[in-house]
Protein backbone atom coordinates (compact mmCIF):
# COMPACT_ATOMS: atom_id res chain seq x y z
CA MET A 1 0.00 0.00 0.00
CA ARG A 2 1.30 3.42 -0.93
CA VAL A 3 0.68 6.38 1.35
CA SER A 4 1.02 9.92 0.07
CA PRO A 5 2.00 12.72 2.45
CA GLU A 6 -0.49 15.24 3.72
CA PRO A 7 -0.78 18.25 1.38
CA ALA A 8 0.83 20.55 3.96
CA VAL A 9 3.98 18.44 4.38
CA PRO A 10 5.66 19.22 1.02
CA GLY A 11 5.03 22.94 1.57
CA LEU A 12 6.51 22.74 5.05
CA LEU A 13 9.59 20.95 3.73
CA GLU A 14 10.06 23.56 1.00
CA ARG A 15 9.81 26.37 3.59
CA TYR A 16 12.31 24.54 5.79
CA ARG A 17 14.76 24.14 2.90
CA ASP A 18 14.39 27.74 1.74
CA ALA A 19 14.73 29.20 5.25
CA LEU A 20 17.76 27.05 6.07
CA ASN A 21 19.50 27.84 2.77
CA TYR A 22 18.81 31.55 3.27
CA SER A 23 20.18 31.39 6.81
CA ILE A 24 23.35 29.60 5.74
CA ARG A 25 23.95 32.10 2.94
CA VAL A 26 23.52 35.11 5.25
CA ILE A 27 25.76 33.61 7.94
CA VAL A 28 28.54 32.77 5.48
CA GLU A 29 28.35 36.16 3.72
CA ASN A 30 28.54 38.04 7.04
CA ASN A 31 30.82 35.58 8.86
CA ALA A 32 28.18 35.51 11.60
CA THR A 33 29.24 32.37 13.44
CA SER A 34 28.09 33.60 16.85
CA ILE A 35 24.52 33.12 17.98
CA SER A 36 24.07 36.79 18.88
CA LYS A 37 25.22 38.05 15.46
CA ALA A 38 23.15 35.43 13.62
CA HIS A 39 20.13 36.33 15.76
CA SER A 40 20.42 40.03 14.92
CA LEU A 41 20.75 39.25 11.20
CA LEU A 42 18.14 36.53 10.84
CA TYR A 43 15.54 36.30 13.59
CA GLU A 44 12.99 38.88 12.40
CA THR A 45 13.42 37.94 8.73
CA LEU A 46 12.85 34.25 9.41
CA LYS A 47 9.76 34.96 11.48
CA ARG A 48 8.27 37.47 9.05
CA SER A 49 9.33 36.28 5.58
CA PHE A 50 9.10 32.55 6.18
CA ASP A 51 6.17 32.78 8.62
CA LEU A 52 7.93 30.76 11.33
CA PRO A 53 7.20 30.56 15.05
CA SER A 54 9.93 32.12 17.19
CA LYS A 55 11.34 28.82 18.51
CA ILE A 56 11.58 27.37 15.00
CA ALA A 57 13.34 30.51 13.73
CA GLN A 58 15.91 30.14 16.52
CA ASP A 59 16.41 26.46 15.68
CA TYR A 60 16.98 27.31 12.01
CA TYR A 61 19.70 29.87 12.58
CA ARG A 62 21.39 27.65 15.17
CA GLU A 63 21.44 24.78 12.69
CA ALA A 64 22.66 27.13 9.95
CA ILE A 65 25.55 28.25 12.19
CA SER A 66 26.56 24.63 12.64
CA ILE A 67 26.46 23.96 8.90
CA ALA A 68 28.26 27.21 8.07
CA LYS A 69 31.06 26.52 10.58
CA SER A 70 31.55 23.11 9.04
CA ARG A 71 31.64 24.58 5.55
CA LEU A 72 33.98 27.42 6.52
CA GLY A 73 36.30 24.94 8.25
CA ASN A 74 36.49 22.68 5.18
CA PRO A 75 36.14 25.01 2.18
CA GLY A 76 37.23 22.50 -0.49
CA LYS A 77 35.50 19.42 0.85
CA GLY A 78 32.92 18.01 -1.52
CA LYS A 79 33.85 20.28 -4.38
CA ASN A 80 35.81 19.36 -7.45
CA THR A 81 38.99 21.46 -7.08
CA GLU A 82 40.57 20.18 -10.31
CA SER A 83 39.78 22.08 -13.49
């Protein structure tokens, strides 16, 4: 038996992906690897533009900091550096 997801689930996943990608991009561009700097850059935008509850917005920028730190610490990992 095949079960399809609820109609709201794909939309939620798209919002999650878009908000997380936006957060990572802003953090990397501004080198905002501290929670306070990321909060000042992202909190209101995530709540307003992505229509997120406050706790979820905080979780997103905290996760984005973690991903950004990993990416900044290993800039060539996963990319083809040979041309």
